[in-house]
Amino acid sequence: MFKRIIWMGTGMAVGAGGAFWAKRKVETTVERYLPEQVADRAAATARGLGVTVKAAAVEGREAMRQREQELRSQVEARTFVGGRDAAPAPTPPAAGHGRRAARVATPRPATPGSRRKPRR
């Protein structure tokens, strides 16, 4: 009989403790999802996201500049002929746009064995 009383008391204590723990857990979860708490967490996340995006953009620009510098130095190492001032000025593009404007029509001499008439 004594065993039954001890086990019944132990069961009641464990049950009461479990119920108390479950009640606390439910209350904290409900408190986390109140509209004010959700709004505060969303605002904090948005601020953090803005900082993260800015940091990523700065890091990306820096990596881009470094890579561009590496590529420029590789090109200069392969094609270096003199100082930059000694390089010839680029020729202006032909009048018009695209590849067709760059083409220059050159008259072809008619050969005695050609079957085609020369273009006019």
Protein backbone atom coordinates (compact mmCIF):
# COMPACT_ATOMS: atom_id res chain seq x y z
CA MET A 1 0.00 0.00 0.00
CA PHE A 2 2.87 2.32 0.75
CA LYS A 3 4.28 1.73 -2.77
CA ARG A 4 1.02 2.81 -4.33
CA ILE A 5 0.95 6.05 -2.34
CA ILE A 6 4.55 6.85 -3.29
CA TRP A 7 3.98 6.15 -6.99
CA MET A 8 0.72 8.09 -6.97
CA GLY A 9 2.46 11.09 -5.37
CA THR A 10 5.32 10.85 -7.86
CA GLY A 11 2.88 10.71 -10.77
CA MET A 12 0.95 13.71 -9.47
CA ALA A 13 4.17 15.72 -9.05
CA VAL A 14 5.40 14.84 -12.54
CA GLY A 15 1.96 15.60 -14.01
CA ALA A 16 1.74 18.96 -12.23
CA GLY A 17 5.30 19.86 -13.29
CA GLY A 18 4.59 18.87 -16.89
CA ALA A 19 1.38 20.88 -16.95
CA PHE A 20 3.18 23.93 -15.50
CA TRP A 21 5.99 23.60 -18.07
CA ALA A 22 3.49 23.22 -20.95
CA LYS A 23 1.52 26.27 -19.75
CA ARG A 24 4.70 28.40 -19.67
CA LYS A 25 5.72 27.18 -23.11
CA VAL A 26 2.31 28.02 -24.61
CA GLU A 27 2.27 31.47 -22.98
CA THR A 28 5.74 32.39 -24.31
CA THR A 29 4.78 31.17 -27.78
CA VAL A 30 1.56 33.19 -27.76
CA GLU A 31 3.49 36.24 -26.51
CA ARG A 32 6.01 35.86 -29.37
CA TYR A 33 3.24 36.02 -31.95
CA LEU A 34 1.40 39.08 -30.65
CA PRO A 35 1.04 41.74 -33.38
CA GLU A 36 3.42 44.17 -31.63
CA GLN A 37 6.13 41.54 -31.28
CA VAL A 38 5.77 40.43 -34.89
CA ALA A 39 5.98 44.03 -36.11
CA ASP A 40 9.09 44.69 -33.99
CA ARG A 41 10.83 41.56 -35.30
CA ALA A 42 9.90 42.40 -38.90
CA ALA A 43 11.30 45.93 -38.53
CA ALA A 44 14.52 44.64 -36.99
CA THR A 45 14.90 42.10 -39.79
CA ALA A 46 14.31 44.77 -42.43
CA ARG A 47 16.97 47.01 -40.88
CA GLY A 48 19.37 44.10 -40.74
CA LEU A 49 18.58 43.20 -44.34
CA GLY A 50 19.34 46.75 -45.50
CA VAL A 51 22.71 46.67 -43.78
CA THR A 52 23.46 43.25 -45.25
CA VAL A 53 22.55 44.35 -48.78
CA LYS A 54 24.72 47.47 -48.50
CA ALA A 55 27.66 45.41 -47.23
CA ALA A 56 27.22 42.91 -50.08
CA ALA A 57 27.11 45.73 -52.66
CA VAL A 58 30.28 47.32 -51.27
CA GLU A 59 32.05 43.97 -51.24
CA GLY A 60 30.90 43.23 -54.79
CA ARG A 61 32.14 46.59 -56.08
CA GLU A 62 35.51 46.08 -54.40
CA ALA A 63 35.85 42.60 -55.92
CA MET A 64 34.85 44.02 -59.31
CA ARG A 65 37.51 46.74 -59.09
CA GLN A 66 40.18 44.24 -58.08
CA ARG A 67 39.31 41.87 -60.91
CA GLU A 68 39.20 44.73 -63.41
CA GLN A 69 42.64 45.85 -62.27
CA GLU A 70 43.95 42.28 -62.66
CA LEU A 71 42.52 42.02 -66.16
CA ARG A 72 43.90 45.41 -67.18
CA SER A 73 47.37 44.48 -65.93
CA GLN A 74 47.20 41.17 -67.86
CA VAL A 75 46.20 43.01 -71.04
CA GLU A 76 48.95 45.61 -70.57
CA ALA A 77 51.50 42.86 -69.94
CA ARG A 78 50.56 41.18 -73.23
CA THR A 79 50.20 44.29 -75.38
CA PHE A 80 52.53 46.84 -73.81
CA VAL A 81 54.36 48.79 -76.49
CA GLY A 82 55.15 52.03 -74.71
CA GLY A 83 53.65 54.59 -72.42
CA ARG A 84 49.99 55.38 -72.62
CA ASP A 85 50.80 58.74 -74.21
CA ALA A 86 52.62 56.97 -77.06
CA ALA A 87 49.54 54.95 -77.99
CA PRO A 88 47.83 56.11 -81.19
CA ALA A 89 44.52 57.87 -80.87
CA PRO A 90 41.54 55.68 -81.75
CA THR A 91 40.11 56.25 -85.20
CA PRO A 92 36.62 57.70 -85.30
CA PRO A 93 33.88 55.29 -86.38
CA ALA A 94 32.55 55.42 -89.93
CA ALA A 95 29.42 57.42 -90.62
CA GLY A 96 26.27 55.50 -89.91
CA HIS A 97 25.66 52.64 -87.51
CA GLY A 98 26.52 49.00 -87.33
CA ARG A 99 28.72 46.77 -89.41
CA ARG A 100 27.28 47.80 -92.76
CA ALA A 101 28.43 51.40 -92.34
CA ALA A 102 32.00 50.24 -91.83
CA ARG A 103 32.03 48.39 -95.17
CA VAL A 104 33.48 50.23 -98.10
CA ALA A 105 32.35 49.23 -101.56
CA THR A 106 35.39 48.57 -103.72
CA PRO A 107 34.87 48.12 -107.43
CA ARG A 108 36.00 44.75 -108.70
CA PRO A 109 37.74 44.60 -112.03
CA ALA A 110 36.00 42.47 -114.59
CA THR A 111 38.03 39.47 -115.55
CA PRO A 112 37.84 38.16 -119.08
CA GLY A 113 36.43 34.77 -118.02
CA SER A 114 33.78 36.06 -115.59
CA ARG A 115 30.16 35.41 -116.43
CA ARG A 116 28.70 38.04 -114.15
CA LYS A 117 28.19 41.62 -115.12
CA PRO A 118 29.98 44.19 -112.97
CA ARG A 119 27.86 45.95 -110.36
CA ARG A 120 26.83 49.52 -110.89
